[in-house]
Amino acid sequence: MSSSQRHVNQFKQLRPFLSLLFVIITLLGLVFVKMEERRISYVVLKLTKEHKRATEIKRQKEISLAKMTRPQLLENLATQKLTLKRITPSQIIHLTPTQSLARTGL
């Protein structure tokens, strides 16, 4: 038997083992990919919940800011805490665009 026939014969004997090794490696790769997919989906779920929570906090802060800065509240605060008087129509000065420019010196 020549050396080339021995190599071919040895390869034929290893062929089932190599096929089985290929199948096992492929299956392990699939398991790894599925595990990564599940891990990433949990990360996405967690980040989605955090985003919803942050959006809700932002919305609540916007609502509280709107409540704190509404004109009636500011007017009550000015009259009660700062002892300012309510505005009368005679105190309002209406400026036309030319008057406002003349006052600023432009």
N, C-alpha and C. Protein backbone atom coordinates (compact mmCIF):
# COMPACT_ATOMS: atom_id res chain seq x y z
N MET A 1 0.84 -1.17 0.00
CA MET A 1 0.00 0.00 0.00
C MET A 1 0.89 1.24 0.00
N SER A 2 0.58 2.16 -0.85
CA SER A 2 1.39 3.37 -0.92
C SER A 2 0.93 4.36 0.15
N SER A 3 1.73 5.38 0.34
CA SER A 3 1.43 6.36 1.39
C SER A 3 0.19 7.17 1.05
N SER A 4 -0.05 7.44 -0.22
CA SER A 4 -1.24 8.21 -0.60
C SER A 4 -2.50 7.40 -0.34
N GLN A 5 -2.46 6.11 -0.55
CA GLN A 5 -3.63 5.27 -0.27
C GLN A 5 -3.88 5.21 1.24
N ARG A 6 -2.82 5.24 2.03
CA ARG A 6 -2.99 5.24 3.48
C ARG A 6 -3.68 6.52 3.95
N HIS A 7 -3.25 7.64 3.37
CA HIS A 7 -3.87 8.92 3.74
C HIS A 7 -5.36 8.94 3.37
N VAL A 8 -5.66 8.42 2.20
CA VAL A 8 -7.07 8.36 1.77
C VAL A 8 -7.84 7.43 2.69
N ASN A 9 -7.24 6.32 3.05
CA ASN A 9 -7.90 5.35 3.94
C ASN A 9 -8.10 5.95 5.34
N GLN A 10 -7.10 6.67 5.82
CA GLN A 10 -7.24 7.32 7.14
C GLN A 10 -8.32 8.40 7.10
N PHE A 11 -8.38 9.15 5.99
CA PHE A 11 -9.40 10.20 5.86
C PHE A 11 -10.80 9.59 5.83
N LYS A 12 -10.94 8.45 5.14
CA LYS A 12 -12.23 7.77 5.10
C LYS A 12 -12.65 7.30 6.48
N GLN A 13 -11.70 6.91 7.30
CA GLN A 13 -12.02 6.48 8.66
C GLN A 13 -12.40 7.67 9.54
N LEU A 14 -11.81 8.84 9.28
CA LEU A 14 -12.11 10.03 10.07
C LEU A 14 -13.36 10.77 9.60
N ARG A 15 -13.85 10.46 8.42
CA ARG A 15 -14.99 11.18 7.86
C ARG A 15 -16.23 11.16 8.79
N PRO A 16 -16.65 10.05 9.36
CA PRO A 16 -17.82 10.07 10.26
C PRO A 16 -17.56 10.92 11.52
N PHE A 17 -16.35 10.83 12.04
CA PHE A 17 -16.00 11.63 13.22
C PHE A 17 -16.05 13.12 12.90
N LEU A 18 -15.47 13.50 11.74
CA LEU A 18 -15.48 14.90 11.34
C LEU A 18 -16.91 15.39 11.08
N SER A 19 -17.74 14.56 10.49
CA SER A 19 -19.14 14.94 10.26
C SER A 19 -19.86 15.15 11.58
N LEU A 20 -19.64 14.26 12.52
CA LEU A 20 -20.26 14.39 13.83
C LEU A 20 -19.74 15.63 14.55
N LEU A 21 -18.45 15.88 14.44
CA LEU A 21 -17.87 17.08 15.05
C LEU A 21 -18.47 18.35 14.43
N PHE A 22 -18.66 18.37 13.12
CA PHE A 22 -19.27 19.51 12.45
C PHE A 22 -20.70 19.74 12.93
N VAL A 23 -21.47 18.68 13.06
CA VAL A 23 -22.86 18.79 13.53
C VAL A 23 -22.88 19.31 14.97
N ILE A 24 -22.02 18.81 15.82
CA ILE A 24 -21.99 19.25 17.22
C ILE A 24 -21.61 20.72 17.31
N ILE A 25 -20.60 21.13 16.57
CA ILE A 25 -20.18 22.53 16.59
C ILE A 25 -21.30 23.43 16.07
N THR A 26 -21.99 22.99 15.04
CA THR A 26 -23.10 23.77 14.49
C THR A 26 -24.21 23.91 15.52
N LEU A 27 -24.56 22.83 16.20
CA LEU A 27 -25.61 22.88 17.21
C LEU A 27 -25.21 23.77 18.39
N LEU A 28 -23.96 23.68 18.82
CA LEU A 28 -23.49 24.55 19.89
C LEU A 28 -23.53 26.01 19.46
N GLY A 29 -23.20 26.27 18.22
CA GLY A 29 -23.30 27.63 17.69
C GLY A 29 -24.73 28.14 17.71
N LEU A 30 -25.68 27.28 17.33
CA LEU A 30 -27.09 27.67 17.37
C LEU A 30 -27.56 27.95 18.79
N VAL A 31 -27.13 27.13 19.73
CA VAL A 31 -27.50 27.35 21.13
C VAL A 31 -26.93 28.68 21.61
N PHE A 32 -25.69 28.96 21.26
CA PHE A 32 -25.08 30.24 21.66
C PHE A 32 -25.84 31.42 21.07
N VAL A 33 -26.20 31.32 19.80
CA VAL A 33 -26.94 32.40 19.14
C VAL A 33 -28.29 32.62 19.81
N LYS A 34 -28.98 31.56 20.15
CA LYS A 34 -30.28 31.68 20.83
C LYS A 34 -30.12 32.31 22.20
N MET A 35 -29.07 31.94 22.93
CA MET A 35 -28.83 32.54 24.25
C MET A 35 -28.55 34.02 24.12
N GLU A 36 -27.76 34.41 23.14
CA GLU A 36 -27.48 35.83 22.92
C GLU A 36 -28.74 36.58 22.53
N GLU A 37 -29.56 35.96 21.70
CA GLU A 37 -30.82 36.59 21.30
C GLU A 37 -31.70 36.84 22.52
N ARG A 38 -31.80 35.87 23.39
CA ARG A 38 -32.61 36.03 24.60
C ARG A 38 -32.02 37.10 25.52
N ARG A 39 -30.70 37.11 25.67
CA ARG A 39 -30.05 38.10 26.53
C ARG A 39 -30.28 39.51 26.00
N ILE A 40 -30.14 39.67 24.70
CA ILE A 40 -30.34 40.99 24.09
C ILE A 40 -31.80 41.41 24.20
N SER A 41 -32.72 40.47 24.08
CA SER A 41 -34.13 40.84 24.21
C SER A 41 -34.44 41.29 25.63
N TYR A 42 -33.81 40.70 26.64
CA TYR A 42 -33.99 41.17 28.02
C TYR A 42 -33.42 42.58 28.19
N VAL A 43 -32.29 42.84 27.58
CA VAL A 43 -31.69 44.18 27.67
C VAL A 43 -32.62 45.20 27.01
N VAL A 44 -33.16 44.85 25.85
CA VAL A 44 -34.08 45.75 25.15
C VAL A 44 -35.33 45.99 25.99
N LEU A 45 -35.85 44.94 26.61
CA LEU A 45 -37.03 45.09 27.46
C LEU A 45 -36.74 46.02 28.63
N LYS A 46 -35.59 45.86 29.26
CA LYS A 46 -35.21 46.71 30.39
C LYS A 46 -35.07 48.16 29.95
N LEU A 47 -34.41 48.39 28.82
CA LEU A 47 -34.24 49.75 28.33
C LEU A 47 -35.58 50.37 27.93
N THR A 48 -36.48 49.58 27.39
CA THR A 48 -37.81 50.08 27.04
C THR A 48 -38.56 50.52 28.28
N LYS A 49 -38.47 49.73 29.35
CA LYS A 49 -39.13 50.11 30.60
C LYS A 49 -38.53 51.39 31.16
N GLU A 50 -37.20 51.51 31.12
CA GLU A 50 -36.54 52.72 31.60
C GLU A 50 -36.97 53.94 30.78
N HIS A 51 -37.06 53.76 29.48
CA HIS A 51 -37.49 54.87 28.62
C HIS A 51 -38.91 55.30 28.95
N LYS A 52 -39.80 54.34 29.14
CA LYS A 52 -41.19 54.68 29.50
C LYS A 52 -41.23 55.40 30.83
N ARG A 53 -40.44 54.93 31.79
CA ARG A 53 -40.40 55.57 33.11
C ARG A 53 -39.87 57.00 33.00
N ALA A 54 -38.81 57.20 32.22
CA ALA A 54 -38.24 58.54 32.05
C ALA A 54 -39.24 59.46 31.33
N THR A 55 -39.95 58.93 30.35
CA THR A 55 -40.96 59.72 29.65
C THR A 55 -42.08 60.13 30.59
N GLU A 56 -42.49 59.21 31.45
CA GLU A 56 -43.56 59.51 32.41
C GLU A 56 -43.09 60.57 33.42
N ILE A 57 -41.86 60.47 33.89
CA ILE A 57 -41.33 61.47 34.83
C ILE A 57 -41.27 62.83 34.16
N LYS A 58 -40.82 62.85 32.91
CA LYS A 58 -40.76 64.12 32.17
C LYS A 58 -42.14 64.72 32.03
N ARG A 59 -43.12 63.90 31.70
CA ARG A 59 -44.49 64.39 31.54
C ARG A 59 -45.02 64.94 32.86
N GLN A 60 -44.75 64.26 33.98
CA GLN A 60 -45.20 64.74 35.28
C GLN A 60 -44.53 66.06 35.64
N LYS A 61 -43.26 66.20 35.33
CA LYS A 61 -42.56 67.46 35.60
C LYS A 61 -43.11 68.60 34.75
N GLU A 62 -43.43 68.32 33.50
CA GLU A 62 -44.03 69.34 32.65
C GLU A 62 -45.39 69.78 33.19
N ILE A 63 -46.17 68.82 33.69
CA ILE A 63 -47.48 69.15 34.26
C ILE A 63 -47.31 70.00 35.52
N SER A 64 -46.38 69.63 36.38
CA SER A 64 -46.19 70.41 37.61
C SER A 64 -45.65 71.80 37.29
N LEU A 65 -44.79 71.92 36.27
CA LEU A 65 -44.31 73.24 35.87
C LEU A 65 -45.46 74.10 35.34
N ALA A 66 -46.31 73.49 34.55
CA ALA A 66 -47.46 74.23 34.03
C ALA A 66 -48.37 74.68 35.16
N LYS A 67 -48.55 73.84 36.17
CA LYS A 67 -49.38 74.22 37.31
C LYS A 67 -48.75 75.35 38.11
N MET A 68 -47.43 75.27 38.30
CA MET A 68 -46.75 76.28 39.11
C MET A 68 -46.67 77.64 38.42
N THR A 69 -46.66 77.65 37.12
CA THR A 69 -46.49 78.91 36.39
C THR A 69 -47.79 79.43 35.78
N ARG A 70 -48.91 78.88 36.16
CA ARG A 70 -50.16 79.40 35.58
C ARG A 70 -50.41 80.81 36.14
N PRO A 71 -51.00 81.66 35.34
CA PRO A 71 -51.14 83.07 35.70
C PRO A 71 -51.90 83.31 37.02
N GLN A 72 -52.94 82.53 37.29
CA GLN A 72 -53.71 82.75 38.51
C GLN A 72 -52.85 82.50 39.74
N LEU A 73 -52.05 81.47 39.70
CA LEU A 73 -51.19 81.16 40.84
C LEU A 73 -50.13 82.25 41.04
N LEU A 74 -49.54 82.70 39.95
CA LEU A 74 -48.54 83.75 40.05
C LEU A 74 -49.15 85.05 40.55
N GLU A 75 -50.36 85.36 40.10
CA GLU A 75 -51.02 86.58 40.56
C GLU A 75 -51.32 86.49 42.05
N ASN A 76 -51.84 85.36 42.51
CA ASN A 76 -52.10 85.17 43.94
C ASN A 76 -50.81 85.26 44.75
N LEU A 77 -49.75 84.67 44.26
CA LEU A 77 -48.47 84.72 44.95
C LEU A 77 -47.95 86.15 45.05
N ALA A 78 -48.10 86.91 43.97
CA ALA A 78 -47.63 88.30 43.96
C ALA A 78 -48.44 89.16 44.93
N THR A 79 -49.74 88.96 44.99
CA THR A 79 -50.57 89.80 45.86
C THR A 79 -50.46 89.39 47.31
N GLN A 80 -50.30 88.11 47.60
CA GLN A 80 -50.30 87.65 48.99
C GLN A 80 -48.89 87.64 49.59
N LYS A 81 -47.95 87.08 48.92
CA LYS A 81 -46.60 86.93 49.48
C LYS A 81 -45.74 88.18 49.28
N LEU A 82 -45.85 88.79 48.12
CA LEU A 82 -44.99 89.92 47.80
C LEU A 82 -45.68 91.27 48.06
N THR A 83 -46.89 91.23 48.52
CA THR A 83 -47.71 92.42 48.84
C THR A 83 -47.78 93.40 47.68
N LEU A 84 -47.92 92.86 46.50
CA LEU A 84 -48.15 93.70 45.33
C LEU A 84 -49.66 93.88 45.16
N LYS A 85 -50.06 94.93 44.45
CA LYS A 85 -51.48 95.19 44.22
C LYS A 85 -51.86 94.68 42.85
N ARG A 86 -53.15 94.42 42.70
CA ARG A 86 -53.66 93.98 41.40
C ARG A 86 -53.48 95.10 40.38
N ILE A 87 -53.23 94.72 39.16
CA ILE A 87 -53.01 95.71 38.11
C ILE A 87 -54.34 96.35 37.71
N THR A 88 -54.29 97.62 37.43
CA THR A 88 -55.48 98.32 36.94
C THR A 88 -55.27 98.66 35.47
N PRO A 89 -56.37 98.81 34.74
CA PRO A 89 -56.23 99.11 33.30
C PRO A 89 -55.44 100.38 33.02
N SER A 90 -55.44 101.33 33.93
CA SER A 90 -54.70 102.57 33.67
C SER A 90 -53.18 102.37 33.76
N GLN A 91 -52.75 101.29 34.36
CA GLN A 91 -51.32 101.03 34.48
C GLN A 91 -50.73 100.37 33.23
N ILE A 92 -51.56 99.88 32.36
CA ILE A 92 -51.10 99.17 31.16
C ILE A 92 -50.70 100.20 30.11
N ILE A 93 -49.51 100.08 29.59
CA ILE A 93 -49.01 100.99 28.56
C ILE A 93 -48.94 100.20 27.25
N HIS A 94 -49.66 100.70 26.27
CA HIS A 94 -49.67 100.05 24.96
C HIS A 94 -48.64 100.74 24.08
N LEU A 95 -47.70 100.00 23.57
CA LEU A 95 -46.65 100.56 22.73
C LEU A 95 -46.85 100.10 21.30
N THR A 96 -46.70 101.00 20.36
CA THR A 96 -46.68 100.63 18.95
C THR A 96 -45.23 100.27 18.62
N PRO A 97 -45.00 99.62 17.52
CA PRO A 97 -43.62 99.25 17.17
C PRO A 97 -42.68 100.45 17.07
N THR A 98 -43.14 101.59 16.58
CA THR A 98 -42.25 102.76 16.46
C THR A 98 -41.93 103.35 17.84
N GLN A 99 -42.91 103.31 18.74
CA GLN A 99 -42.64 103.82 20.11
C GLN A 99 -41.63 102.94 20.83
N SER A 100 -41.76 101.62 20.67
CA SER A 100 -40.84 100.72 21.36
C SER A 100 -39.42 100.89 20.83
N LEU A 101 -39.28 101.16 19.52
CA LEU A 101 -37.95 101.37 18.95
C LEU A 101 -37.38 102.71 19.43
N ALA A 102 -38.23 103.72 19.58
CA ALA A 102 -37.76 105.02 20.04
C ALA A 102 -37.30 104.93 21.50
N ARG A 103 -37.98 104.14 22.30
CA ARG A 103 -37.61 104.00 23.72
C ARG A 103 -36.28 103.26 23.88
N THR A 104 -36.02 102.30 23.02
CA THR A 104 -34.77 101.55 23.14
C THR A 104 -33.60 102.27 22.52
N GLY A 105 -33.86 103.30 21.74
CA GLY A 105 -32.77 104.09 21.16
C GLY A 105 -32.26 103.53 19.84
N LEU A 106 -33.02 102.67 19.20
CA LEU A 106 -32.56 102.10 17.91
C LEU A 106 -33.07 102.89 16.75
